[in-house]
Amino acid sequence: MLGVVPEQTETRRASRYDAVIATFVGFLALCVSGYTAYMQRQQVRAAVWPILEFGYSNHPDIHFTLANKGVGPAIISHVVVKVDGQPVIDWVEALRKLIGPGEPRYSESDMSGRVLAAGESLTIFTPHDPENNPILYDRSNPLYVQMSKDRERIEVEICYCSTLGDCWTLRGGGKAADVTTETRRCPSSSVTSFRQ
């Protein structure tokens, strides 16, 4: 009867032990590599993170602004503007809902399809009086008083993305504070999309 030589058994056991250790070390190296790649992605993501803010003011005139307070450019893909919770397609319709019929006068800057650089601020809308002047701070002017009060009736939903393709939706205006939520992607244009 042939027996197994004890030296061969020890050699096999040592080889298995070495293989298990090598596999474990390889797995640890793979985990460290994956974690390092994840952290690098997070650092790059933070380095190009845009943060949009919507605001309005009544001094020195009534105007609405959009600012990028982040560190990277904001690629604006989709905009919805609402008056009293109902979408409007442009500033003409918005002003008619706010001040009634007539020929609305205003100045504007496009939002949709725009890239807003880090630190950039943009006046997106300034209503004007019948003489086509911005509505200045003047509590004796009934149009100023009305627009100063009614500006809180305007709300926006702005979907924007970073240069890495991460996207967010800003909901702002009205009486509530701005809220930004992360989203997979921006919606396509629809009948409720704001056109400029």
N, C-alpha and C. Protein backbone atom coordinates (compact mmCIF):
# COMPACT_ATOMS: atom_id res chain seq x y z
N MET A 1 0.83 -1.16 0.00
CA MET A 1 0.00 0.00 0.00
C MET A 1 0.88 1.24 0.00
N LEU A 2 0.52 2.16 -0.88
CA LEU A 2 1.30 3.38 -0.99
C LEU A 2 0.75 4.41 -0.02
N GLY A 3 1.56 5.07 0.66
CA GLY A 3 1.14 6.10 1.60
C GLY A 3 1.57 7.48 1.10
N VAL A 4 0.97 8.47 1.63
CA VAL A 4 1.32 9.83 1.29
C VAL A 4 2.49 10.24 2.17
N VAL A 5 3.47 10.76 1.53
CA VAL A 5 4.66 11.18 2.25
C VAL A 5 4.29 12.43 3.06
N PRO A 6 4.61 12.49 4.35
CA PRO A 6 4.23 13.63 5.17
C PRO A 6 4.74 14.96 4.62
N GLU A 7 5.88 14.99 3.98
CA GLU A 7 6.42 16.24 3.42
C GLU A 7 5.52 16.79 2.31
N GLN A 8 4.97 15.88 1.48
CA GLN A 8 4.08 16.33 0.40
C GLN A 8 2.79 16.93 0.96
N THR A 9 2.26 16.34 2.04
CA THR A 9 1.05 16.84 2.66
C THR A 9 1.30 18.25 3.21
N GLU A 10 2.41 18.45 3.86
CA GLU A 10 2.77 19.77 4.39
C GLU A 10 2.93 20.78 3.26
N THR A 11 3.52 20.37 2.13
CA THR A 11 3.73 21.26 1.00
C THR A 11 2.39 21.68 0.40
N ARG A 12 1.47 20.73 0.27
CA ARG A 12 0.14 21.06 -0.27
C ARG A 12 -0.60 22.03 0.65
N ARG A 13 -0.53 21.73 1.97
CA ARG A 13 -1.18 22.61 2.92
C ARG A 13 -0.59 24.02 2.85
N ALA A 14 0.69 24.14 2.75
CA ALA A 14 1.36 25.45 2.66
C ALA A 14 0.96 26.16 1.37
N SER A 15 0.84 25.42 0.27
CA SER A 15 0.45 26.01 -1.02
C SER A 15 -0.98 26.54 -0.95
N ARG A 16 -1.88 25.77 -0.31
CA ARG A 16 -3.26 26.24 -0.16
C ARG A 16 -3.30 27.50 0.71
N TYR A 17 -2.55 27.45 1.79
CA TYR A 17 -2.50 28.60 2.70
C TYR A 17 -1.98 29.83 1.96
N ASP A 18 -0.93 29.68 1.17
CA ASP A 18 -0.38 30.79 0.38
C ASP A 18 -1.41 31.30 -0.63
N ALA A 19 -2.16 30.39 -1.24
CA ALA A 19 -3.17 30.78 -2.23
C ALA A 19 -4.30 31.57 -1.57
N VAL A 20 -4.73 31.12 -0.38
CA VAL A 20 -5.78 31.83 0.34
C VAL A 20 -5.31 33.22 0.73
N ILE A 21 -4.09 33.33 1.24
CA ILE A 21 -3.53 34.63 1.63
C ILE A 21 -3.42 35.54 0.40
N ALA A 22 -2.92 35.02 -0.71
CA ALA A 22 -2.77 35.83 -1.93
C ALA A 22 -4.13 36.30 -2.45
N THR A 23 -5.13 35.43 -2.38
CA THR A 23 -6.48 35.80 -2.82
C THR A 23 -7.04 36.90 -1.92
N PHE A 24 -6.84 36.74 -0.60
CA PHE A 24 -7.33 37.75 0.34
C PHE A 24 -6.64 39.10 0.13
N VAL A 25 -5.34 39.09 -0.07
CA VAL A 25 -4.59 40.33 -0.32
C VAL A 25 -5.06 40.97 -1.64
N GLY A 26 -5.30 40.16 -2.66
CA GLY A 26 -5.80 40.67 -3.94
C GLY A 26 -7.18 41.30 -3.79
N PHE A 27 -8.05 40.65 -2.98
CA PHE A 27 -9.39 41.19 -2.74
C PHE A 27 -9.31 42.52 -2.00
N LEU A 28 -8.44 42.61 -0.99
CA LEU A 28 -8.25 43.86 -0.26
C LEU A 28 -7.75 44.97 -1.18
N ALA A 29 -6.81 44.64 -2.06
CA ALA A 29 -6.29 45.63 -3.01
C ALA A 29 -7.40 46.11 -3.94
N LEU A 30 -8.27 45.22 -4.37
CA LEU A 30 -9.40 45.59 -5.22
C LEU A 30 -10.36 46.51 -4.47
N CYS A 31 -10.63 46.21 -3.20
CA CYS A 31 -11.51 47.06 -2.39
C CYS A 31 -10.91 48.45 -2.21
N VAL A 32 -9.62 48.53 -1.91
CA VAL A 32 -8.95 49.82 -1.73
C VAL A 32 -8.98 50.61 -3.03
N SER A 33 -8.75 49.94 -4.15
CA SER A 33 -8.77 50.60 -5.45
C SER A 33 -10.17 51.13 -5.76
N GLY A 34 -11.21 50.34 -5.50
CA GLY A 34 -12.58 50.79 -5.73
C GLY A 34 -12.95 51.97 -4.84
N TYR A 35 -12.56 51.92 -3.58
CA TYR A 35 -12.84 53.02 -2.66
C TYR A 35 -12.11 54.29 -3.09
N THR A 36 -10.87 54.16 -3.52
CA THR A 36 -10.09 55.31 -3.99
C THR A 36 -10.76 55.95 -5.21
N ALA A 37 -11.21 55.11 -6.15
CA ALA A 37 -11.89 55.63 -7.35
C ALA A 37 -13.18 56.34 -6.95
N TYR A 38 -13.93 55.78 -5.99
CA TYR A 38 -15.16 56.41 -5.52
C TYR A 38 -14.87 57.77 -4.89
N MET A 39 -13.86 57.84 -4.05
CA MET A 39 -13.52 59.10 -3.39
C MET A 39 -13.05 60.15 -4.40
N GLN A 40 -12.29 59.73 -5.40
CA GLN A 40 -11.85 60.66 -6.44
C GLN A 40 -13.05 61.20 -7.21
N ARG A 41 -14.00 60.35 -7.51
CA ARG A 41 -15.22 60.77 -8.20
C ARG A 41 -15.98 61.79 -7.35
N GLN A 42 -16.09 61.54 -6.04
CA GLN A 42 -16.78 62.47 -5.15
C GLN A 42 -16.05 63.82 -5.10
N GLN A 43 -14.72 63.81 -5.10
CA GLN A 43 -13.96 65.05 -5.07
C GLN A 43 -14.16 65.84 -6.37
N VAL A 44 -14.14 65.15 -7.50
CA VAL A 44 -14.37 65.82 -8.79
C VAL A 44 -15.80 66.35 -8.84
N ARG A 45 -16.73 65.57 -8.36
CA ARG A 45 -18.14 65.98 -8.34
C ARG A 45 -18.31 67.26 -7.50
N ALA A 46 -17.65 67.30 -6.34
CA ALA A 46 -17.75 68.47 -5.47
C ALA A 46 -17.07 69.69 -6.10
N ALA A 47 -16.07 69.46 -6.94
CA ALA A 47 -15.33 70.57 -7.56
C ALA A 47 -16.11 71.24 -8.69
N VAL A 48 -17.17 70.60 -9.18
CA VAL A 48 -17.97 71.19 -10.27
C VAL A 48 -19.45 71.32 -9.88
N TRP A 49 -19.74 71.35 -8.60
CA TRP A 49 -21.11 71.34 -8.10
C TRP A 49 -21.74 72.73 -8.20
N PRO A 50 -22.76 72.91 -9.07
CA PRO A 50 -23.48 74.19 -9.14
C PRO A 50 -24.61 74.21 -8.10
N ILE A 51 -24.90 75.38 -7.59
CA ILE A 51 -26.02 75.55 -6.65
C ILE A 51 -26.79 76.80 -7.08
N LEU A 52 -27.96 76.60 -7.69
CA LEU A 52 -28.76 77.74 -8.14
C LEU A 52 -29.65 78.27 -7.01
N GLU A 53 -29.81 79.60 -7.01
CA GLU A 53 -30.73 80.27 -6.09
C GLU A 53 -31.59 81.24 -6.88
N PHE A 54 -32.88 81.22 -6.60
CA PHE A 54 -33.84 82.14 -7.23
C PHE A 54 -34.21 83.18 -6.18
N GLY A 55 -34.27 84.44 -6.59
CA GLY A 55 -34.62 85.47 -5.65
C GLY A 55 -35.32 86.64 -6.31
N TYR A 56 -35.90 87.50 -5.49
CA TYR A 56 -36.52 88.71 -6.00
C TYR A 56 -36.27 89.84 -5.02
N SER A 57 -36.35 91.04 -5.54
CA SER A 57 -36.10 92.22 -4.73
C SER A 57 -37.06 93.33 -5.15
N ASN A 58 -37.26 94.28 -4.27
CA ASN A 58 -38.08 95.43 -4.63
C ASN A 58 -37.30 96.74 -4.48
N HIS A 59 -35.97 96.64 -4.42
CA HIS A 59 -35.15 97.84 -4.28
C HIS A 59 -33.87 97.71 -5.09
N PRO A 60 -33.45 98.58 -5.93
CA PRO A 60 -34.05 99.89 -6.22
C PRO A 60 -35.27 99.78 -7.13
N ASP A 61 -35.43 98.62 -7.77
CA ASP A 61 -36.63 98.36 -8.56
C ASP A 61 -37.06 96.93 -8.30
N ILE A 62 -38.23 96.56 -8.79
CA ILE A 62 -38.70 95.19 -8.64
C ILE A 62 -38.01 94.35 -9.71
N HIS A 63 -37.36 93.27 -9.28
CA HIS A 63 -36.70 92.38 -10.24
C HIS A 63 -36.52 90.99 -9.63
N PHE A 64 -36.37 90.02 -10.52
CA PHE A 64 -36.16 88.63 -10.14
C PHE A 64 -34.77 88.22 -10.62
N THR A 65 -34.06 87.45 -9.79
CA THR A 65 -32.69 87.06 -10.12
C THR A 65 -32.51 85.56 -10.02
N LEU A 66 -31.50 85.09 -10.73
CA LEU A 66 -31.06 83.71 -10.66
C LEU A 66 -29.56 83.76 -10.48
N ALA A 67 -29.04 83.08 -9.46
CA ALA A 67 -27.61 83.12 -9.17
C ALA A 67 -27.07 81.71 -8.98
N ASN A 68 -25.84 81.51 -9.40
CA ASN A 68 -25.14 80.25 -9.19
C ASN A 68 -24.16 80.45 -8.04
N LYS A 69 -24.49 79.92 -6.88
CA LYS A 69 -23.65 80.04 -5.69
C LYS A 69 -22.68 78.88 -5.55
N GLY A 70 -22.68 77.97 -6.51
CA GLY A 70 -21.80 76.81 -6.44
C GLY A 70 -20.42 77.09 -7.00
N VAL A 71 -19.64 76.00 -7.18
CA VAL A 71 -18.26 76.13 -7.66
C VAL A 71 -18.09 75.70 -9.11
N GLY A 72 -19.15 75.21 -9.73
CA GLY A 72 -19.08 74.80 -11.13
C GLY A 72 -20.23 75.38 -11.92
N PRO A 73 -20.16 75.32 -13.25
CA PRO A 73 -21.23 75.88 -14.08
C PRO A 73 -22.53 75.08 -13.97
N ALA A 74 -23.65 75.79 -14.07
CA ALA A 74 -24.97 75.17 -14.06
C ALA A 74 -25.52 75.20 -15.48
N ILE A 75 -25.79 74.03 -16.03
CA ILE A 75 -26.36 73.91 -17.37
C ILE A 75 -27.88 73.80 -17.19
N ILE A 76 -28.59 74.88 -17.51
CA ILE A 76 -30.04 74.93 -17.29
C ILE A 76 -30.74 74.25 -18.45
N SER A 77 -31.51 73.21 -18.12
CA SER A 77 -32.14 72.39 -19.16
C SER A 77 -33.65 72.60 -19.29
N HIS A 78 -34.31 72.86 -18.17
CA HIS A 78 -35.78 72.92 -18.22
C HIS A 78 -36.27 73.93 -17.18
N VAL A 79 -37.20 74.79 -17.58
CA VAL A 79 -37.73 75.83 -16.69
C VAL A 79 -39.26 75.82 -16.75
N VAL A 80 -39.87 75.89 -15.57
CA VAL A 80 -41.32 76.08 -15.46
C VAL A 80 -41.52 77.28 -14.53
N VAL A 81 -42.29 78.26 -14.99
CA VAL A 81 -42.65 79.42 -14.17
C VAL A 81 -44.14 79.33 -13.90
N LYS A 82 -44.52 79.54 -12.63
CA LYS A 82 -45.93 79.45 -12.25
C LYS A 82 -46.38 80.75 -11.60
N VAL A 83 -47.63 81.11 -11.84
CA VAL A 83 -48.30 82.21 -11.15
C VAL A 83 -49.51 81.59 -10.46
N ASP A 84 -49.59 81.76 -9.16
CA ASP A 84 -50.66 81.16 -8.36
C ASP A 84 -50.74 79.64 -8.56
N GLY A 85 -49.59 79.02 -8.72
CA GLY A 85 -49.52 77.57 -8.87
C GLY A 85 -49.81 77.04 -10.26
N GLN A 86 -50.14 77.93 -11.20
CA GLN A 86 -50.46 77.51 -12.57
C GLN A 86 -49.31 77.88 -13.51
N PRO A 87 -48.84 76.95 -14.34
CA PRO A 87 -47.74 77.26 -15.26
C PRO A 87 -48.12 78.33 -16.28
N VAL A 88 -47.16 79.18 -16.59
CA VAL A 88 -47.31 80.19 -17.65
C VAL A 88 -46.18 79.93 -18.66
N ILE A 89 -46.43 80.31 -19.92
CA ILE A 89 -45.44 79.99 -20.95
C ILE A 89 -44.43 81.11 -21.18
N ASP A 90 -44.75 82.34 -20.73
CA ASP A 90 -43.80 83.45 -20.91
C ASP A 90 -44.14 84.56 -19.92
N TRP A 91 -43.30 85.61 -19.91
CA TRP A 91 -43.51 86.71 -18.97
C TRP A 91 -44.75 87.54 -19.31
N VAL A 92 -45.15 87.57 -20.57
CA VAL A 92 -46.38 88.29 -20.95
C VAL A 92 -47.56 87.68 -20.22
N GLU A 93 -47.69 86.36 -20.29
CA GLU A 93 -48.79 85.69 -19.60
C GLU A 93 -48.69 85.88 -18.09
N ALA A 94 -47.48 85.83 -17.55
CA ALA A 94 -47.29 86.02 -16.10
C ALA A 94 -47.77 87.41 -15.68
N LEU A 95 -47.35 88.44 -16.42
CA LEU A 95 -47.74 89.81 -16.07
C LEU A 95 -49.24 90.03 -16.20
N ARG A 96 -49.85 89.44 -17.21
CA ARG A 96 -51.30 89.60 -17.39
C ARG A 96 -52.05 88.97 -16.21
N LYS A 97 -51.52 87.85 -15.68
CA LYS A 97 -52.16 87.24 -14.51
C LYS A 97 -51.96 88.10 -13.26
N LEU A 98 -50.84 88.80 -13.22
CA LEU A 98 -50.54 89.62 -12.04
C LEU A 98 -51.24 90.97 -12.06
N ILE A 99 -51.18 91.69 -13.19
CA ILE A 99 -51.70 93.06 -13.21
C ILE A 99 -52.89 93.27 -14.13
N GLY A 100 -53.33 92.22 -14.79
CA GLY A 100 -54.51 92.33 -15.63
C GLY A 100 -54.18 92.61 -17.09
N PRO A 101 -55.23 92.89 -17.90
CA PRO A 101 -55.02 93.09 -19.33
C PRO A 101 -54.22 94.36 -19.61
N GLY A 102 -53.76 94.43 -20.81
CA GLY A 102 -52.96 95.58 -21.24
C GLY A 102 -51.69 95.08 -21.91
N GLU A 103 -50.89 96.00 -22.33
CA GLU A 103 -49.64 95.65 -22.99
C GLU A 103 -48.52 95.64 -21.95
N PRO A 104 -48.15 94.45 -21.45
CA PRO A 104 -47.12 94.39 -20.43
C PRO A 104 -45.76 94.83 -20.97
N ARG A 105 -45.02 95.53 -20.14
CA ARG A 105 -43.67 95.97 -20.50
C ARG A 105 -42.71 95.42 -19.46
N TYR A 106 -41.56 94.98 -19.95
CA TYR A 106 -40.59 94.35 -19.05
C TYR A 106 -39.26 94.17 -19.79
N SER A 107 -38.24 93.83 -19.02
CA SER A 107 -36.97 93.37 -19.61
C SER A 107 -36.70 91.99 -19.03
N GLU A 108 -36.03 91.15 -19.81
CA GLU A 108 -35.80 89.77 -19.39
C GLU A 108 -34.46 89.27 -19.90
N SER A 109 -34.01 88.20 -19.29
CA SER A 109 -32.86 87.43 -19.77
C SER A 109 -33.29 85.98 -19.84
N ASP A 110 -32.88 85.30 -20.90
CA ASP A 110 -33.26 83.90 -21.07
C ASP A 110 -32.67 83.04 -19.96
N MET A 111 -33.43 82.02 -19.56
CA MET A 111 -32.94 81.04 -18.60
C MET A 111 -32.72 79.69 -19.27
N SER A 112 -33.71 79.23 -20.03
CA SER A 112 -33.64 77.90 -20.64
C SER A 112 -32.46 77.80 -21.60
N GLY A 113 -31.75 76.68 -21.51
CA GLY A 113 -30.63 76.43 -22.41
C GLY A 113 -29.40 77.26 -22.10
N ARG A 114 -29.38 77.91 -20.98
CA ARG A 114 -28.27 78.80 -20.61
C ARG A 114 -27.29 78.06 -19.70
N VAL A 115 -26.03 78.44 -19.77
CA VAL A 115 -25.02 77.96 -18.83
C VAL A 115 -24.68 79.13 -17.93
N LEU A 116 -24.93 78.96 -16.64
CA LEU A 116 -24.64 80.00 -15.66
C LEU A 116 -23.35 79.64 -14.94
N ALA A 117 -22.33 80.46 -15.11
CA ALA A 117 -21.01 80.18 -14.53
C ALA A 117 -21.06 80.27 -13.01
N ALA A 118 -20.10 79.64 -12.37
CA ALA A 118 -19.98 79.72 -10.92
C ALA A 118 -19.82 81.18 -10.51
N GLY A 119 -20.59 81.60 -9.54
CA GLY A 119 -20.53 82.98 -9.06
C GLY A 119 -21.31 83.98 -9.89
N GLU A 120 -21.89 83.54 -11.00
CA GLU A 120 -22.63 84.46 -11.88
C GLU A 120 -24.04 84.69 -11.35
N SER A 121 -24.50 85.91 -11.45
CA SER A 121 -25.85 86.29 -11.06
C SER A 121 -26.50 86.98 -12.25
N LEU A 122 -27.76 86.72 -12.45
CA LEU A 122 -28.46 87.19 -13.64
C LEU A 122 -29.82 87.76 -13.25
N THR A 123 -30.12 88.97 -13.70
CA THR A 123 -31.47 89.50 -13.53
C THR A 123 -32.31 88.92 -14.66
N ILE A 124 -33.27 88.07 -14.29
CA ILE A 124 -34.03 87.36 -15.32
C ILE A 124 -35.31 88.08 -15.72
N PHE A 125 -35.81 88.99 -14.84
CA PHE A 125 -37.07 89.63 -15.17
C PHE A 125 -37.21 90.92 -14.37
N THR A 126 -37.55 92.00 -15.07
CA THR A 126 -37.82 93.29 -14.43
C THR A 126 -39.08 93.87 -15.07
N PRO A 127 -40.20 93.95 -14.33
CA PRO A 127 -41.40 94.56 -14.91
C PRO A 127 -41.20 96.07 -15.04
N HIS A 128 -41.86 96.65 -16.06
CA HIS A 128 -41.75 98.09 -16.33
C HIS A 128 -43.11 98.74 -16.21
N ASP A 129 -43.09 100.04 -16.04
CA ASP A 129 -44.33 100.81 -15.98
C ASP A 129 -44.78 101.14 -17.41
N PRO A 130 -45.93 101.80 -17.59
CA PRO A 130 -46.43 102.12 -18.94
C PRO A 130 -45.47 102.98 -19.77
N GLU A 131 -44.58 103.73 -19.12
CA GLU A 131 -43.59 104.53 -19.85
C GLU A 131 -42.33 103.72 -20.17
N ASN A 132 -42.38 102.41 -19.89
CA ASN A 132 -41.29 101.46 -20.15
C ASN A 132 -40.06 101.70 -19.27
N ASN A 133 -40.27 102.18 -18.06
CA ASN A 133 -39.20 102.32 -17.07
C ASN A 133 -39.38 101.24 -16.01
N PRO A 134 -38.27 100.73 -15.45
CA PRO A 134 -38.41 99.77 -14.35
C PRO A 134 -39.26 100.36 -13.23
N ILE A 135 -40.04 99.51 -12.58
CA ILE A 135 -40.90 99.97 -11.50
C ILE A 135 -40.03 100.19 -10.26
N LEU A 136 -39.73 101.44 -10.00
CA LEU A 136 -38.82 101.81 -8.91
C LEU A 136 -39.52 101.78 -7.56
N TYR A 137 -38.71 101.68 -6.53
CA TYR A 137 -39.19 101.71 -5.16
C TYR A 137 -39.90 103.04 -4.89
N ASP A 138 -41.22 102.97 -4.75
CA ASP A 138 -42.02 104.17 -4.52
C ASP A 138 -43.35 103.71 -3.95
N ARG A 139 -43.50 103.82 -2.64
CA ARG A 139 -44.71 103.33 -1.98
C ARG A 139 -45.96 104.12 -2.35
N SER A 140 -45.79 105.25 -3.01
CA SER A 140 -46.97 106.03 -3.44
C SER A 140 -47.46 105.59 -4.82
N ASN A 141 -46.68 104.78 -5.52
CA ASN A 141 -47.04 104.29 -6.85
C ASN A 141 -47.87 103.01 -6.70
N PRO A 142 -49.15 103.01 -7.12
CA PRO A 142 -49.99 101.82 -6.96
C PRO A 142 -49.43 100.60 -7.70
N LEU A 143 -48.79 100.80 -8.85
CA LEU A 143 -48.21 99.67 -9.58
C LEU A 143 -47.06 99.04 -8.79
N TYR A 144 -46.24 99.89 -8.16
CA TYR A 144 -45.16 99.36 -7.31
C TYR A 144 -45.74 98.57 -6.15
N VAL A 145 -46.74 99.10 -5.48
CA VAL A 145 -47.34 98.43 -4.32
C VAL A 145 -47.92 97.08 -4.75
N GLN A 146 -48.61 97.06 -5.89
CA GLN A 146 -49.21 95.81 -6.37
C GLN A 146 -48.13 94.80 -6.73
N MET A 147 -47.12 95.20 -7.50
CA MET A 147 -46.07 94.27 -7.93
C MET A 147 -45.22 93.81 -6.74
N SER A 148 -44.98 94.70 -5.78
CA SER A 148 -44.21 94.33 -4.60
C SER A 148 -44.91 93.23 -3.82
N LYS A 149 -46.24 93.31 -3.74
CA LYS A 149 -47.03 92.29 -3.05
C LYS A 149 -47.17 91.02 -3.91
N ASP A 150 -47.44 91.21 -5.20
CA ASP A 150 -47.74 90.08 -6.08
C ASP A 150 -46.51 89.28 -6.51
N ARG A 151 -45.33 89.79 -6.28
CA ARG A 151 -44.13 89.04 -6.71
C ARG A 151 -44.04 87.69 -6.01
N GLU A 152 -44.67 87.57 -4.84
CA GLU A 152 -44.67 86.29 -4.13
C GLU A 152 -45.60 85.27 -4.77
N ARG A 153 -46.38 85.68 -5.74
CA ARG A 153 -47.26 84.74 -6.46
C ARG A 153 -46.50 83.98 -7.53
N ILE A 154 -45.27 84.40 -7.83
CA ILE A 154 -44.46 83.76 -8.87
C ILE A 154 -43.55 82.70 -8.26
N GLU A 155 -43.59 81.51 -8.84
CA GLU A 155 -42.72 80.40 -8.42
C GLU A 155 -42.02 79.84 -9.65
N VAL A 156 -40.87 79.21 -9.43
CA VAL A 156 -40.13 78.59 -10.54
C VAL A 156 -39.74 77.16 -10.18
N GLU A 157 -39.61 76.35 -11.21
CA GLU A 157 -38.98 75.03 -11.13
C GLU A 157 -37.92 75.02 -12.20
N ILE A 158 -36.67 74.94 -11.81
CA ILE A 158 -35.56 74.98 -12.76
C ILE A 158 -34.74 73.72 -12.60
N CYS A 159 -34.66 72.94 -13.67
CA CYS A 159 -33.84 71.73 -13.67
C CYS A 159 -32.51 72.07 -14.33
N TYR A 160 -31.42 71.75 -13.65
CA TYR A 160 -30.08 72.07 -14.16
C TYR A 160 -29.12 70.93 -13.84
N CYS A 161 -28.02 70.89 -14.58
CA CYS A 161 -27.05 69.82 -14.42
C CYS A 161 -25.64 70.39 -14.31
N SER A 162 -24.74 69.57 -13.75
CA SER A 162 -23.33 69.92 -13.70
C SER A 162 -22.66 69.42 -14.98
N THR A 163 -21.40 69.73 -15.13
CA THR A 163 -20.67 69.26 -16.31
C THR A 163 -20.45 67.75 -16.28
N LEU A 164 -20.66 67.10 -15.13
CA LEU A 164 -20.54 65.65 -15.03
C LEU A 164 -21.87 64.94 -15.29
N GLY A 165 -22.95 65.72 -15.50
CA GLY A 165 -24.25 65.12 -15.79
C GLY A 165 -25.10 64.86 -14.55
N ASP A 166 -24.64 65.28 -13.37
CA ASP A 166 -25.49 65.20 -12.18
C ASP A 166 -26.52 66.33 -12.27
N CYS A 167 -27.79 66.03 -11.94
CA CYS A 167 -28.85 67.02 -12.13
C CYS A 167 -29.63 67.27 -10.85
N TRP A 168 -30.19 68.48 -10.76
CA TRP A 168 -30.99 68.91 -9.62
C TRP A 168 -32.17 69.73 -10.13
N THR A 169 -33.22 69.81 -9.30
CA THR A 169 -34.35 70.68 -9.58
C THR A 169 -34.50 71.67 -8.44
N LEU A 170 -34.46 72.96 -8.79
CA LEU A 170 -34.68 74.04 -7.84
C LEU A 170 -36.14 74.44 -7.88
N ARG A 171 -36.78 74.47 -6.73
CA ARG A 171 -38.13 75.00 -6.61
C ARG A 171 -38.03 76.22 -5.70
N GLY A 172 -38.37 77.39 -6.26
CA GLY A 172 -38.19 78.62 -5.50
C GLY A 172 -39.28 79.62 -5.79
N GLY A 173 -39.21 80.74 -5.07
CA GLY A 173 -40.20 81.78 -5.21
C GLY A 173 -41.35 81.55 -4.25
N GLY A 174 -42.40 82.29 -4.45
CA GLY A 174 -43.53 82.18 -3.54
C GLY A 174 -43.14 82.64 -2.15
N LYS A 175 -43.80 82.09 -1.15
CA LYS A 175 -43.52 82.46 0.24
C LYS A 175 -42.59 81.48 0.93
N ALA A 176 -42.33 80.34 0.30
CA ALA A 176 -41.48 79.32 0.92
C ALA A 176 -40.02 79.52 0.51
N ALA A 177 -39.14 78.92 1.28
CA ALA A 177 -37.71 78.97 0.96
C ALA A 177 -37.41 78.07 -0.23
N ASP A 178 -36.31 78.38 -0.94
CA ASP A 178 -35.88 77.54 -2.06
C ASP A 178 -35.61 76.12 -1.57
N VAL A 179 -35.98 75.14 -2.41
CA VAL A 179 -35.70 73.74 -2.13
C VAL A 179 -35.06 73.15 -3.38
N THR A 180 -33.92 72.50 -3.20
CA THR A 180 -33.24 71.85 -4.32
C THR A 180 -33.18 70.36 -4.05
N THR A 181 -33.62 69.57 -5.05
CA THR A 181 -33.58 68.12 -4.91
C THR A 181 -32.80 67.52 -6.07
N GLU A 182 -32.08 66.46 -5.77
CA GLU A 182 -31.33 65.78 -6.82
C GLU A 182 -32.30 64.98 -7.68
N THR A 183 -32.05 64.93 -8.97
CA THR A 183 -32.90 64.20 -9.90
C THR A 183 -32.04 63.44 -10.89
N ARG A 184 -32.57 62.38 -11.45
CA ARG A 184 -31.80 61.57 -12.40
C ARG A 184 -31.43 62.36 -13.66
N ARG A 185 -32.44 63.04 -14.22
CA ARG A 185 -32.22 63.83 -15.43
C ARG A 185 -33.34 64.85 -15.53
N CYS A 186 -33.11 65.85 -16.33
CA CYS A 186 -34.11 66.90 -16.51
C CYS A 186 -35.17 66.45 -17.51
N PRO A 187 -36.43 66.87 -17.30
CA PRO A 187 -37.49 66.48 -18.23
C PRO A 187 -37.34 67.19 -19.58
N SER A 188 -37.97 66.64 -20.56
CA SER A 188 -38.01 67.26 -21.88
C SER A 188 -39.01 68.41 -21.87
N SER A 189 -38.93 69.27 -22.85
CA SER A 189 -39.89 70.37 -22.96
C SER A 189 -41.30 69.83 -23.13
N SER A 190 -42.25 70.56 -22.56
CA SER A 190 -43.65 70.15 -22.65
C SER A 190 -44.50 71.41 -22.79
N VAL A 191 -45.81 71.25 -22.76
CA VAL A 191 -46.70 72.40 -22.91
C VAL A 191 -46.61 73.33 -21.71
N THR A 192 -46.11 72.85 -20.57
CA THR A 192 -45.97 73.70 -19.39
C THR A 192 -44.58 74.34 -19.29
N SER A 193 -43.70 74.03 -20.24
CA SER A 193 -42.35 74.61 -20.20
C SER A 193 -42.40 76.10 -20.48
N PHE A 194 -41.54 76.83 -19.79
CA PHE A 194 -41.45 78.27 -19.96
C PHE A 194 -40.63 78.58 -21.20
N ARG A 195 -41.16 79.46 -22.08
CA ARG A 195 -40.46 79.81 -23.31
C ARG A 195 -40.11 81.29 -23.25
N GLN A 196 -38.94 81.62 -23.75
CA GLN A 196 -38.54 83.02 -23.73
C GLN A 196 -38.14 83.46 -25.11
